[in-house]
């Protein structure tokens, strides 16, 4: 019997400057995708200090069958590129896991300056004449005839230089300085912008190539089942990519990478949740590679819950907490979870946040407390009412905190 907790491990196959990578998903097959990269990017992965993998692995984890061609001085001419592409096409379409018969997408990493001695017309000729090319993604404004649907991601400085085309969609980003912003380990790598760009690129490719498609709700529900019902660390981790992470924003708990996240799940999460832990879904939004949930998380605080209220012994109090989760799913496995909630409402419900606290600043009108007195402010936080209001209760009034005022009390 196959071990369901094993990660996909399809090995890449090298043919000189061509690498063929089958999909790294549990499903195991997917449409064809070409990657062109300059030789200057080869060493970037060795400098990568993030969990974001190099493009070859990332797109394979998204479910594509990938052919990567590296271009250097020796193979940066029309004849050499044509030969490499022909070979790569053959190897890719011979791949059992590739669901494409003839059509594929192309991602050209790097700018014109990154490809030594590569004339503009070489790539234009390739894009405009290669059989089966349905979609192109670039990070520089390469000249083409506009016959193929394309997507451009570039620095804002290039926006006034682009010749508009009905077949091209362009996004410009003010916080990037070069096409290297998308490559982990590159000096110009910009992880936040790279994430946005990846989602836009994935949406573009899936729409044109017809996939790969996955049931994101099923994948997310499977993950939470193993967390809260089956309570299996191994099965929970098997629903995630090679190097995932979890970030509980208010308490900064979770884990970065498979080893640390596995340790967190084992020692601080899966077995730390009380038996009556429950999730009530309020809303769910599904995107190309993300699920955003609003939900109410409820439990009785009968054990120390390290990830939620670190260092707080059991109080026996009941908690109902509004939560938001942003879950990134790469292919058919989770990459990350960003989980957020209002920690103040947790502390109010536990009886650990006073109703009033000292106000340590001067008032805007210049008034000061009388001798032996001090100013206090009413803490703008609510208890279980926050969950009830999110749930849709109309019995809880809005804007009552707006009437809160500073008060003067004895300083003792």
Foldseek 3Di string as FASTA:
>chain_A
DDDLLDWQDFDWDDDDQKIKGFAREPVTAEAEEEEEEEPVQPCLQVQFPAPDHFPVNQVSLLHHGYIYGYAAPVQQDQVSVVVVVVVSQVVSCVDPRHPDNWAYEYEYFFEPVRHPPHDLVSVQCCQVDRTRYAEYEYAYQRDHPLPHQYEYEYAPVCPVVHDDHPRYHYDHDPQFDTSCCLGRNDPRPDPVVNVVVVQVVLVVRCVRVVDDDDDQVVLVVQLVCCQAPVLDLSSNLSQADQWAWEAADPQRDTAGGDVGNSVCSVPAGSVQADNPWDKAWLDWDDDSFKIKTKIWIKGFQQQQRCVLDNPDGRQRFIAIWIKIWIWGHRNRHTRYIYIYTDSLQVCVRSVNDDQKDFDPDADPVRDAADVQKGKIWGDPDHYCVVRVVSNPDPVDDPDPCVPTDIDMDGDD
